[in-house]
Amino acid sequence: MNLLIVLSEICFVIFFFLLLNWLVGKFSKLFVKVAILKIEQSTIKTLRRNVTGLLVLACLVVCILIVGVNGYLIYRGENLQQYTLLLIGSIPSGFWVSLGIGVAQSLGTLILAAIAQKFVGYWLNFASIRAKRIEQNTADDKSIDTFFSNLKKIVTNGIWLWAVIWCTQFLKLPVIVSQYLYILLRIYLIIAIGLLIPKAITAVIDSLDALSIRYSSPDNLLRFYDRLRHLIPFLKRCLEFVIYVCVATLVIQQVQFIANIAIFGSRIIKIVGIIFISRVLFEVVYLLVEEILFKDRNLSEIQTSRRLTLVPLIRSFLQYLVYFGAIVSILYTLDINPAPILAGAGILGIAVGFGAQTLINDIVCGFFILFENYYLVGDYIQAGKAEDKFVEGIVEAIELRTTRVRHPNGQLQIIRNGDIGSITNYSKQYIFAVVEVSVPYDSNLAHVYQVIENVGEQLKTNDPDVLEPTQVDGVESLGESNLLLRTLTKVKPGKHLQIQRVLRKTFMDTLVQEGITIPLRVESSEP
């Protein structure tokens, strides 16, 4: 009989520790589902193994104590059955009544939790089907299924955690147990919902993006959307960061000894908002400036070039202005008075200005280039020197400090405005395409002139870039076996290189057809 009593006590202890181990496993799986990083998952698994080891050790210790205590009682000659019954009888009868009521209430709570889980699952599945029908043309069905599946897991786990909390209260466990379970429930819901919200926001943004593209037209405001669409990834990153900061702030607030740190969360969110608004404000104002400058569709080429020249300058000015305002706003958000910093920066700027004369010179020269109209965006120029070579090509941008010039071969040349020096602009009103043609000494020059002029007339008729027919300027030089004739063709600014190539081929083909041999290859005089 004594042996059966000892075995029953040991079996009860083992059952109790197995139940605790099962609960630990459930909670560890719960946290693995909401873990953000792999290192967190591995940490939770390691913690579970450690807790399981401690439970096994504690179970062994308790079993050894039971065997030892019962062995001591047997050694003293005590009747274990009577001793156990007396020990149970010493417990007040009200305890057993309250325990029975608590067990019954706990079972009822668990049954209600199971019913609530089925009910919530049904309505979430119904909502998922409805969402697919509403968003069938803009959203991915798989993403909707994933969202509602994760939401179902969160609600289900939340219901069971809430049921466990009520069970601890029904069973009259220490108040601290329910308090910690409440904290655990709040932290779980905060993290789980915080990880779910970015997915929902991403799906909504993608749907709105698809709808905006579908309904955009030149007649409504959505015509600007395509030019602002590149801000969508930035919007997603900002919203995701804000949500994670909110989650971290709410979690920290649940832990009393570090709750004071949570005040920094709102400041971080304000800073992210300032950065996002600054970026959007810059893009919108820049878009409005371009819209105003190029609203008139009947602009001449010179007017278009001037406005294209102003656009990079305005963009740079707006960028510095908006970012300066953002920095000042961030300083105010951090409770830092920017006035002393700006005053110190002004003094430092004066000191640096004396040592940065090259920078100031570049900026001043940039203003003179713009206001005195030396060249504009789209002009073909030759200016300055880079590694003892003249910079030549089409102007792509004029900025405060530099000018960007695209060489005919494709290289992008960047030259400081202070180093521009003398400028040769091939794009003012007109330019001559100069081509030199070699003919034999025995050629009939009058006939050759007529052939060249006929070619020029035909080219003017077929090419809108040619302003006047080709004229023979005369004999440029006398070679050993040939005469070198110089021809001039008046063309639109920046078109001379293209027309020169066309003229060389046409002159060669036409002269050969006329029986005029060309002793040497066609030579040209580059501008």
Protein backbone atom coordinates (compact mmCIF):
# COMPACT_ATOMS: atom_id res chain seq x y z
CA MET A 1 0.00 0.00 0.00
CA ASN A 2 2.81 2.41 0.91
CA LEU A 3 4.48 1.69 -2.42
CA LEU A 4 1.29 2.53 -4.32
CA ILE A 5 0.93 5.83 -2.50
CA VAL A 6 4.52 6.81 -3.34
CA LEU A 7 4.06 5.83 -6.99
CA SER A 8 0.80 7.80 -7.26
CA GLU A 9 2.47 10.89 -5.83
CA ILE A 10 5.38 10.55 -8.27
CA CYS A 11 2.99 10.05 -11.22
CA PHE A 12 1.07 13.20 -10.24
CA VAL A 13 4.30 15.23 -10.10
CA ILE A 14 5.42 13.87 -13.50
CA PHE A 15 2.01 14.71 -15.00
CA PHE A 16 2.22 18.24 -13.61
CA PHE A 17 5.70 18.84 -15.05
CA LEU A 18 4.69 17.35 -18.42
CA LEU A 19 1.80 19.84 -18.52
CA LEU A 20 4.20 22.70 -17.78
CA ASN A 21 6.57 21.47 -20.50
CA TRP A 22 3.64 21.34 -22.98
CA LEU A 23 2.70 24.93 -22.13
CA VAL A 24 6.33 26.03 -22.57
CA GLY A 25 6.41 24.37 -26.00
CA LYS A 26 3.21 26.12 -27.05
CA PHE A 27 4.48 29.52 -25.95
CA SER A 28 7.84 29.00 -27.69
CA LYS A 29 6.09 28.11 -30.98
CA LEU A 30 3.93 31.19 -30.53
CA PHE A 31 6.94 33.45 -30.29
CA VAL A 32 8.77 31.75 -33.16
CA LYS A 33 5.83 32.68 -35.44
CA VAL A 34 6.20 36.38 -34.62
CA ALA A 35 10.01 36.46 -34.59
CA ILE A 36 11.49 38.99 -37.01
CA LEU A 37 15.05 37.74 -37.38
CA LYS A 38 16.51 34.26 -37.58
CA ILE A 39 18.72 34.95 -34.59
CA GLU A 40 15.60 35.57 -32.55
CA GLN A 41 14.14 32.22 -33.58
CA SER A 42 17.31 30.40 -32.62
CA THR A 43 17.40 32.25 -29.30
CA ILE A 44 13.80 31.22 -28.52
CA LYS A 45 14.56 27.59 -29.38
CA THR A 46 17.66 27.62 -27.19
CA LEU A 47 15.64 29.16 -24.35
CA ARG A 48 13.00 26.44 -24.73
CA ARG A 49 15.64 23.71 -24.48
CA ASN A 50 17.07 25.33 -21.35
CA VAL A 51 13.64 25.67 -19.71
CA THR A 52 12.82 22.05 -20.58
CA GLY A 53 16.08 20.96 -18.98
CA LEU A 54 15.29 22.93 -15.83
CA LEU A 55 11.80 21.38 -15.66
CA VAL A 56 13.25 17.87 -15.99
CA LEU A 57 15.80 18.64 -13.28
CA ALA A 58 13.12 20.09 -11.01
CA CYS A 59 10.89 17.06 -11.62
CA LEU A 60 13.71 14.70 -10.65
CA VAL A 61 14.48 16.72 -7.51
CA VAL A 62 10.81 16.74 -6.44
CA CYS A 63 10.49 12.99 -7.11
CA ILE A 64 13.62 12.32 -5.03
CA LEU A 65 12.22 14.50 -2.24
CA ILE A 66 8.93 12.57 -2.32
CA VAL A 67 10.77 9.27 -2.11
CA GLY A 68 13.02 10.61 0.65
CA VAL A 69 10.20 12.11 2.75
CA ASN A 70 8.03 9.03 2.39
CA GLY A 71 11.00 6.80 3.20
CA TYR A 72 11.67 8.84 6.35
CA LEU A 73 8.03 8.53 7.39
CA ILE A 74 8.11 4.76 6.85
CA TYR A 75 11.34 4.59 8.87
CA ARG A 76 9.58 6.35 11.75
CA GLY A 77 6.79 3.80 11.53
CA GLU A 78 4.14 6.15 10.17
CA ASN A 79 1.22 4.80 8.19
CA LEU A 80 1.46 6.61 4.86
CA GLN A 81 -2.24 6.12 4.04
CA GLN A 82 -3.39 7.63 7.35
CA TYR A 83 -0.75 10.35 7.19
CA THR A 84 -1.80 11.33 3.65
CA LEU A 85 -5.50 11.33 4.58
CA LEU A 86 -4.80 13.47 7.66
CA LEU A 87 -2.77 15.87 5.52
CA ILE A 88 -5.60 16.12 2.98
CA GLY A 89 -8.15 16.49 5.75
CA SER A 90 -6.20 19.39 7.27
CA ILE A 91 -6.95 21.39 4.11
CA PRO A 92 -10.15 23.47 4.59
CA SER A 93 -13.21 22.12 2.79
CA GLY A 94 -13.81 25.53 1.22
CA PHE A 95 -10.56 25.09 -0.73
CA TRP A 96 -11.87 21.99 -2.45
CA VAL A 97 -15.16 23.71 -3.24
CA SER A 98 -13.41 26.74 -4.73
CA LEU A 99 -11.01 24.45 -6.61
CA GLY A 100 -13.90 22.52 -8.11
CA ILE A 101 -15.71 25.70 -9.08
CA GLY A 102 -12.47 27.07 -10.57
CA VAL A 103 -11.89 23.89 -12.58
CA ALA A 104 -15.48 23.99 -13.86
CA GLN A 105 -15.16 27.67 -14.78
CA SER A 106 -11.83 26.97 -16.48
CA LEU A 107 -13.33 24.15 -18.52
CA GLY A 108 -16.23 26.42 -19.51
CA THR A 109 -13.79 29.15 -20.48
CA LEU A 110 -11.76 26.76 -22.64
CA ILE A 111 -14.95 25.52 -24.33
CA LEU A 112 -16.02 29.12 -25.02
CA ALA A 113 -12.53 29.86 -26.40
CA ALA A 114 -12.82 26.91 -28.79
CA ILE A 115 -16.27 28.09 -29.94
CA ALA A 116 -15.00 31.66 -30.37
CA GLN A 117 -12.06 30.35 -32.40
CA LYS A 118 -14.40 28.52 -34.79
CA PHE A 119 -16.67 31.57 -35.06
CA VAL A 120 -13.80 33.98 -35.77
CA GLY A 121 -12.29 31.56 -38.31
CA TYR A 122 -15.59 31.38 -40.18
CA TRP A 123 -16.00 35.15 -40.42
CA LEU A 124 -12.37 35.70 -41.41
CA ASN A 125 -12.73 33.17 -44.24
CA PHE A 126 -15.89 34.97 -45.33
CA ALA A 127 -14.05 38.32 -45.24
CA SER A 128 -11.21 36.84 -47.30
CA ILE A 129 -13.62 35.72 -50.02
CA ARG A 130 -15.29 39.13 -50.08
CA ALA A 131 -11.92 40.88 -50.30
CA LYS A 132 -10.94 38.78 -53.30
CA ARG A 133 -14.12 39.78 -55.08
CA ILE A 134 -13.62 43.46 -54.35
CA GLU A 135 -9.91 43.55 -55.20
CA GLN A 136 -9.89 40.91 -57.93
CA ASN A 137 -8.52 43.35 -60.53
CA THR A 138 -5.91 45.11 -58.40
CA ALA A 139 -4.60 42.77 -55.71
CA ASP A 140 -3.06 39.31 -55.67
CA ASP A 141 -5.34 36.59 -54.22
CA LYS A 142 -2.35 34.89 -52.64
CA SER A 143 -1.43 38.02 -50.69
CA ILE A 144 -5.03 38.31 -49.44
CA ASP A 145 -5.01 34.65 -48.31
CA THR A 146 -1.69 35.20 -46.52
CA PHE A 147 -3.00 38.30 -44.77
CA PHE A 148 -6.18 36.66 -43.48
CA SER A 149 -4.32 33.47 -42.56
CA ASN A 150 -1.88 35.44 -40.40
CA LEU A 151 -4.76 37.44 -38.91
CA LYS A 152 -6.55 34.19 -38.03
CA LYS A 153 -3.45 32.86 -36.23
CA ILE A 154 -3.09 36.09 -34.28
CA VAL A 155 -6.74 36.14 -33.18
CA THR A 156 -6.69 32.41 -32.31
CA ASN A 157 -3.55 32.67 -30.19
CA GLY A 158 -4.92 35.80 -28.54
CA ILE A 159 -8.17 34.02 -27.63
CA TRP A 160 -6.29 31.10 -26.05
CA LEU A 161 -3.97 33.39 -24.12
CA TRP A 162 -6.97 35.30 -22.82
CA ALA A 163 -8.61 32.00 -21.81
CA VAL A 164 -5.46 30.95 -19.91
CA ILE A 165 -5.48 34.29 -18.05
CA TRP A 166 -9.09 33.77 -16.97
CA CYS A 167 -8.28 30.20 -15.90
CA THR A 168 -5.49 31.45 -13.62
CA GLN A 169 -7.97 33.82 -12.00
CA PHE A 170 -10.63 31.11 -11.60
CA LEU A 171 -8.09 28.75 -10.05
CA LYS A 172 -7.07 31.43 -7.51
CA LEU A 173 -3.42 31.39 -8.58
CA PRO A 174 -1.20 34.20 -7.29
CA VAL A 175 -2.11 37.59 -8.76
CA ILE A 176 1.38 38.06 -10.13
CA VAL A 177 0.82 35.12 -12.51
CA SER A 178 -2.18 36.74 -14.18
CA GLN A 179 -0.39 40.10 -14.27
CA TYR A 180 2.57 38.65 -16.13
CA LEU A 181 0.24 36.76 -18.46
CA TYR A 182 -1.59 40.02 -19.21
CA ILE A 183 1.74 41.66 -20.06
CA LEU A 184 2.63 38.66 -22.23
CA LEU A 185 -0.71 38.89 -24.05
CA ARG A 186 -0.34 42.62 -24.73
CA ILE A 187 3.23 42.21 -25.99
CA TYR A 188 2.19 39.33 -28.25
CA LEU A 189 -0.74 41.23 -29.75
CA ILE A 190 1.38 44.36 -30.26
CA ILE A 191 4.17 42.48 -32.06
CA ALA A 192 1.87 40.24 -34.10
CA ILE A 193 -0.39 43.06 -35.27
CA GLY A 194 2.64 45.30 -35.84
CA LEU A 195 4.11 42.68 -38.20
CA LEU A 196 0.77 42.23 -39.96
CA ILE A 197 -0.01 45.92 -40.59
CA PRO A 198 2.90 46.52 -43.08
CA LYS A 199 1.61 43.66 -45.25
CA ALA A 200 -1.88 45.15 -45.26
CA ILE A 201 -0.56 48.63 -46.03
CA THR A 202 1.59 47.26 -48.87
CA ALA A 203 -1.45 45.53 -50.38
CA VAL A 204 -3.53 48.72 -50.11
CA ILE A 205 -0.78 50.88 -51.63
CA ASP A 206 -0.28 48.44 -54.52
CA SER A 207 -4.03 48.43 -55.18
CA LEU A 208 -4.22 52.24 -55.15
CA ASP A 209 -1.17 52.35 -57.42
CA ALA A 210 -2.84 50.08 -59.96
CA LEU A 211 -6.07 52.10 -59.81
CA SER A 212 -4.19 55.41 -60.24
CA ILE A 213 -2.39 54.12 -63.34
CA ARG A 214 -5.64 52.78 -64.77
CA TYR A 215 -7.62 56.00 -64.37
CA SER A 216 -4.88 58.52 -65.15
CA SER A 217 -5.39 60.64 -68.26
CA PRO A 218 -4.09 63.95 -69.64
CA ASP A 219 -7.32 65.64 -68.53
CA ASN A 220 -7.15 64.98 -64.76
CA LEU A 221 -4.67 65.48 -61.94
CA LEU A 222 -3.62 61.82 -62.09
CA ARG A 223 -1.53 62.72 -65.15
CA PHE A 224 1.17 63.78 -62.66
CA TYR A 225 1.07 60.45 -60.84
CA ASP A 226 3.51 58.67 -63.15
CA ARG A 227 6.17 61.28 -62.39
CA LEU A 228 5.64 60.89 -58.63
CA ARG A 229 5.32 57.11 -58.67
CA HIS A 230 8.99 56.61 -57.81
CA LEU A 231 8.14 57.82 -54.28
CA ILE A 232 6.06 54.69 -53.55
CA PRO A 233 9.01 52.50 -52.38
CA PHE A 234 10.15 55.38 -50.17
CA LEU A 235 6.60 55.66 -48.74
CA LYS A 236 6.53 51.93 -47.98
CA ARG A 237 9.91 52.05 -46.20
CA CYS A 238 8.86 55.07 -44.12
CA LEU A 239 5.53 53.50 -43.10
CA GLU A 240 7.22 50.20 -42.27
CA PHE A 241 9.82 51.97 -40.14
CA VAL A 242 7.12 54.01 -38.34
CA ILE A 243 5.12 50.87 -37.58
CA TYR A 244 8.17 49.08 -36.17
CA VAL A 245 9.00 52.09 -34.01
CA CYS A 246 5.40 52.18 -32.74
CA VAL A 247 5.57 48.45 -31.95
CA ALA A 248 8.85 48.87 -30.08
CA THR A 249 7.47 51.86 -28.18
CA LEU A 250 4.31 50.04 -27.10
CA VAL A 251 6.29 46.96 -26.05
CA ILE A 252 8.70 49.07 -23.99
CA GLN A 253 5.76 50.77 -22.28
CA GLN A 254 4.64 47.36 -20.98
CA VAL A 255 7.91 46.91 -19.08
CA GLN A 256 7.95 49.34 -16.18
CA PHE A 257 11.67 49.61 -15.50
CA ILE A 258 12.41 50.73 -19.11
CA ALA A 259 9.12 52.53 -19.82
CA ASN A 260 10.83 55.95 -19.71
CA ILE A 261 12.68 55.14 -22.94
CA ALA A 262 9.36 55.05 -24.81
CA ILE A 263 9.25 58.88 -25.05
CA PHE A 264 11.88 58.71 -27.81
CA GLY A 265 9.52 56.71 -30.02
CA SER A 266 7.26 59.67 -30.79
CA ARG A 267 10.28 61.82 -31.63
CA ILE A 268 11.65 59.22 -34.03
CA ILE A 269 8.24 59.02 -35.74
CA LYS A 270 8.14 62.82 -36.09
CA ILE A 271 11.63 62.81 -37.64
CA VAL A 272 10.61 60.13 -40.16
CA GLY A 273 7.50 62.17 -40.99
CA ILE A 274 9.57 65.32 -41.52
CA ILE A 275 11.97 63.49 -43.85
CA PHE A 276 9.11 62.00 -45.87
CA ILE A 277 7.18 65.27 -46.12
CA SER A 278 10.36 67.09 -47.17
CA ARG A 279 11.01 64.61 -49.95
CA VAL A 280 7.41 64.77 -51.19
CA LEU A 281 7.34 68.57 -50.94
CA PHE A 282 10.52 68.84 -53.00
CA GLU A 283 9.21 66.52 -55.72
CA VAL A 284 5.79 68.23 -55.87
CA VAL A 285 7.21 71.78 -56.01
CA TYR A 286 9.74 70.71 -58.65
CA LEU A 287 6.91 69.14 -60.66
CA LEU A 288 4.84 72.34 -60.39
CA VAL A 289 7.82 74.44 -61.50
CA GLU A 290 8.30 72.27 -64.60
CA GLU A 291 4.57 72.39 -65.30
CA ILE A 292 4.55 76.20 -65.11
CA LEU A 293 7.70 76.64 -67.19
CA PHE A 294 6.60 74.29 -69.97
CA LYS A 295 2.85 74.87 -69.87
CA ASP A 296 3.02 76.86 -73.10
CA ARG A 297 3.39 74.36 -75.98
CA ASN A 298 4.27 77.06 -78.52
CA LEU A 299 7.70 77.95 -77.14
CA SER A 300 10.49 78.69 -79.55
CA GLU A 301 13.72 76.69 -79.39
CA ILE A 302 15.54 79.53 -77.64
CA GLN A 303 12.79 79.86 -75.02
CA THR A 304 12.79 76.12 -74.45
CA SER A 305 16.57 76.09 -74.04
CA ARG A 306 16.47 78.94 -71.55
CA ARG A 307 13.84 77.20 -69.46
CA LEU A 308 15.68 73.89 -69.62
CA THR A 309 18.71 75.79 -68.34
CA LEU A 310 16.76 77.18 -65.37
CA VAL A 311 15.30 73.82 -64.32
CA PRO A 312 18.52 72.29 -62.81
CA LEU A 313 19.28 75.57 -61.04
CA ILE A 314 15.79 75.75 -59.53
CA ARG A 315 16.02 72.07 -58.58
CA SER A 316 19.30 72.63 -56.74
CA PHE A 317 17.93 75.71 -54.97
CA LEU A 318 14.74 73.90 -53.92
CA GLN A 319 16.72 70.89 -52.73
CA TYR A 320 18.96 72.99 -50.47
CA LEU A 321 15.99 75.03 -49.19
CA VAL A 322 13.78 72.03 -48.37
CA TYR A 323 16.56 70.04 -46.73
CA PHE A 324 17.61 73.08 -44.70
CA GLY A 325 14.03 73.44 -43.45
CA ALA A 326 13.93 69.71 -42.64
CA ILE A 327 17.13 69.92 -40.59
CA VAL A 328 15.79 72.90 -38.61
CA SER A 329 12.50 71.06 -37.97
CA ILE A 330 14.38 67.96 -36.79
CA LEU A 331 16.42 70.08 -34.37
CA TYR A 332 13.22 71.54 -32.92
CA THR A 333 11.80 68.00 -32.60
CA LEU A 334 14.87 67.00 -30.57
CA ASP A 335 14.36 70.10 -28.33
CA ILE A 336 17.52 71.69 -29.71
CA ASN A 337 17.44 75.42 -30.40
CA PRO A 338 18.89 75.84 -33.91
CA ALA A 339 19.60 79.59 -33.49
CA PRO A 340 23.04 79.20 -31.79
CA ILE A 341 23.96 76.47 -34.29
CA LEU A 342 23.00 78.67 -37.25
CA ALA A 343 24.89 81.62 -35.78
CA GLY A 344 27.98 79.46 -35.32
CA ALA A 345 27.55 78.08 -38.83
CA GLY A 346 27.41 81.64 -40.19
CA ILE A 347 30.66 82.58 -38.51
CA LEU A 348 32.23 79.33 -39.64
CA GLY A 349 30.94 79.99 -43.16
CA ILE A 350 32.69 83.36 -43.26
CA ALA A 351 35.93 81.76 -42.13
CA VAL A 352 35.61 78.95 -44.65
CA GLY A 353 34.67 81.43 -47.38
CA PHE A 354 38.15 82.96 -47.30
CA GLY A 355 39.65 79.54 -47.93
CA ALA A 356 37.00 78.48 -50.45
CA GLN A 357 37.48 81.22 -53.01
CA THR A 358 37.45 78.66 -55.84
CA LEU A 359 33.99 77.48 -54.79
CA ILE A 360 32.68 81.05 -54.61
CA ASN A 361 34.28 81.83 -57.97
CA ASP A 362 32.53 78.82 -59.55
CA ILE A 363 29.15 79.91 -58.17
CA VAL A 364 29.58 83.53 -59.27
CA CYS A 365 30.66 82.44 -62.76
CA GLY A 366 27.62 80.17 -62.89
CA PHE A 367 25.32 83.13 -62.25
CA PHE A 368 27.06 85.20 -64.96
CA ILE A 369 26.72 82.34 -67.46
CA LEU A 370 23.00 82.13 -66.76
CA PHE A 371 22.15 85.80 -66.65
CA GLU A 372 24.36 86.91 -69.56
CA ASN A 373 23.13 84.02 -71.69
CA TYR A 374 26.54 82.71 -72.75
CA TYR A 375 25.07 79.30 -73.52
CA LEU A 376 21.95 77.29 -72.68
CA VAL A 377 21.05 73.65 -72.23
CA GLY A 378 21.12 71.99 -75.64
CA ASP A 379 23.77 74.34 -77.10
CA TYR A 380 26.84 72.92 -78.81
CA ILE A 381 29.90 74.65 -77.31
CA GLN A 382 33.64 74.53 -77.09
CA ALA A 383 35.07 75.90 -73.86
CA GLY A 384 37.66 75.52 -71.12
CA LYS A 385 40.27 72.82 -71.00
CA ALA A 386 40.36 69.41 -69.38
CA GLU A 387 43.81 67.78 -69.35
CA ASP A 388 45.06 70.26 -71.99
CA LYS A 389 42.10 69.47 -74.27
CA PHE A 390 39.17 71.70 -75.08
CA VAL A 391 35.81 70.61 -73.72
CA GLU A 392 33.41 70.23 -76.65
CA GLY A 393 29.87 68.93 -76.98
CA ILE A 394 26.21 69.55 -76.15
CA VAL A 395 25.38 71.23 -72.84
CA GLU A 396 23.24 68.88 -70.72
CA ALA A 397 22.99 70.88 -67.48
CA ILE A 398 24.16 74.15 -65.96
CA GLU A 399 24.43 73.95 -62.18
CA LEU A 400 25.65 76.36 -59.55
CA ARG A 401 29.21 75.06 -59.57
CA THR A 402 29.60 73.02 -62.74
CA THR A 403 28.51 72.62 -66.34
CA ARG A 404 27.89 69.16 -67.80
CA VAL A 405 28.81 68.75 -71.48
CA ARG A 406 28.18 65.60 -73.52
CA HIS A 407 30.90 64.99 -76.12
CA PRO A 408 29.80 63.75 -79.59
CA ASN A 409 31.55 60.47 -78.76
CA GLY A 410 29.35 60.02 -75.69
CA GLN A 411 31.63 61.03 -72.82
CA LEU A 412 30.09 63.21 -70.11
CA GLN A 413 32.47 66.08 -69.38
CA ILE A 414 32.06 68.05 -66.14
CA ILE A 415 33.86 71.38 -65.98
CA ARG A 416 33.85 73.93 -63.18
CA ASN A 417 32.18 77.19 -64.12
CA GLY A 418 35.26 79.08 -62.99
CA ASP A 419 37.37 77.17 -65.53
CA ILE A 420 35.09 77.78 -68.53
CA GLY A 421 37.35 80.49 -69.95
CA SER A 422 36.65 81.57 -73.50
CA ILE A 423 33.52 80.05 -75.03
CA THR A 424 32.74 79.14 -78.62
CA ASN A 425 29.01 78.67 -79.04
CA TYR A 426 27.92 76.87 -82.21
CA SER A 427 24.22 77.18 -81.40
CA LYS A 428 23.45 80.87 -81.78
CA GLN A 429 20.99 81.47 -84.66
CA TYR A 430 22.92 79.45 -87.27
CA ILE A 431 26.22 77.76 -88.09
CA PHE A 432 28.03 76.76 -91.28
CA ALA A 433 28.71 73.12 -92.10
CA VAL A 434 32.15 73.38 -93.73
CA VAL A 435 33.19 70.60 -96.14
CA GLU A 436 36.34 70.59 -98.30
CA VAL A 437 36.35 68.64 -101.57
CA SER A 438 39.42 67.60 -103.62
CA VAL A 439 39.13 67.63 -107.45
CA PRO A 440 41.77 67.10 -110.20
CA TYR A 441 43.50 70.06 -111.85
CA ASP A 442 41.91 69.24 -115.20
CA SER A 443 38.37 69.44 -113.82
CA ASN A 444 35.84 71.92 -115.20
CA LEU A 445 35.41 74.08 -112.11
CA ALA A 446 32.22 75.68 -113.40
CA HIS A 447 30.68 72.23 -113.82
CA VAL A 448 31.96 71.12 -110.41
CA TYR A 449 30.47 74.28 -108.81
CA GLN A 450 27.15 73.60 -110.47
CA VAL A 451 27.11 69.97 -109.28
CA ILE A 452 27.88 71.03 -105.69
CA GLU A 453 25.20 73.73 -105.75
CA ASN A 454 22.64 71.30 -107.14
CA VAL A 455 23.46 68.92 -104.29
CA GLY A 456 22.98 71.80 -101.84
CA GLU A 457 19.59 72.73 -103.33
CA GLN A 458 18.38 69.15 -103.11
CA LEU A 459 19.61 68.80 -99.51
CA LYS A 460 17.82 72.01 -98.47
CA THR A 461 14.58 70.67 -99.93
CA ASN A 462 14.83 67.32 -98.14
CA ASP A 463 16.39 68.31 -94.79
CA PRO A 464 14.66 70.89 -92.53
CA ASP A 465 17.91 71.47 -90.62
CA VAL A 466 19.47 73.16 -93.71
CA LEU A 467 18.70 76.90 -93.77
CA GLU A 468 20.34 77.84 -97.10
CA PRO A 469 21.70 75.86 -100.08
CA THR A 470 25.37 74.94 -100.25
CA GLN A 471 27.68 77.61 -101.68
CA VAL A 472 31.22 77.10 -102.99
CA ASP A 473 33.48 79.49 -101.12
CA GLY A 474 36.24 79.00 -103.68
CA VAL A 475 39.57 77.25 -104.05
CA GLU A 476 41.03 76.82 -100.60
CA SER A 477 44.49 75.54 -101.58
CA LEU A 478 46.56 74.11 -104.45
CA GLY A 479 47.91 70.63 -103.86
CA GLU A 480 50.43 68.62 -105.81
CA SER A 481 47.78 66.78 -107.83
CA ASN A 482 44.49 68.34 -106.85
CA LEU A 483 42.55 71.48 -106.03
CA LEU A 484 40.90 71.82 -102.60
CA LEU A 485 37.46 73.46 -102.78
CA ARG A 486 35.77 74.87 -99.66
CA THR A 487 31.97 74.67 -99.39
CA LEU A 488 29.64 76.37 -96.89
CA THR A 489 26.15 75.21 -95.91
CA LYS A 490 24.10 77.32 -93.51
CA VAL A 491 22.35 75.01 -91.01
CA LYS A 492 20.54 75.17 -87.70
CA PRO A 493 22.65 75.47 -84.54
CA GLY A 494 24.23 72.22 -83.44
CA LYS A 495 23.42 70.38 -86.70
CA HIS A 496 26.69 71.05 -88.52
CA LEU A 497 28.39 67.73 -87.70
CA GLN A 498 25.44 65.70 -88.98
CA ILE A 499 25.12 67.75 -92.18
CA GLN A 500 28.87 67.54 -92.82
CA ARG A 501 28.69 63.74 -92.83
CA VAL A 502 25.71 63.77 -95.18
CA LEU A 503 27.43 66.23 -97.55
CA ARG A 504 30.66 64.23 -97.74
CA LYS A 505 28.84 61.09 -98.84
CA THR A 506 26.56 62.95 -101.26
CA PHE A 507 29.44 64.92 -102.86
CA MET A 508 31.46 61.76 -103.38
CA ASP A 509 28.57 59.80 -104.94
CA THR A 510 27.48 62.69 -107.19
CA LEU A 511 30.96 63.57 -108.45
CA VAL A 512 31.67 59.94 -109.29
CA GLN A 513 28.39 59.77 -111.21
CA GLU A 514 29.44 62.90 -113.16
CA GLY A 515 32.73 61.28 -114.12
CA ILE A 516 34.84 63.50 -111.90
CA THR A 517 37.54 61.42 -110.27
CA ILE A 518 38.46 62.22 -106.70
CA PRO A 519 42.23 61.90 -106.28
CA LEU A 520 42.18 61.90 -102.52
CA ARG A 521 39.56 61.26 -99.86
CA VAL A 522 37.23 64.07 -98.93
CA GLU A 523 38.71 66.21 -96.20
CA SER A 524 36.87 68.41 -93.77
CA SER A 525 37.63 71.33 -91.57
CA GLU A 526 36.12 70.75 -88.13
CA PRO A 527 34.82 73.80 -86.32
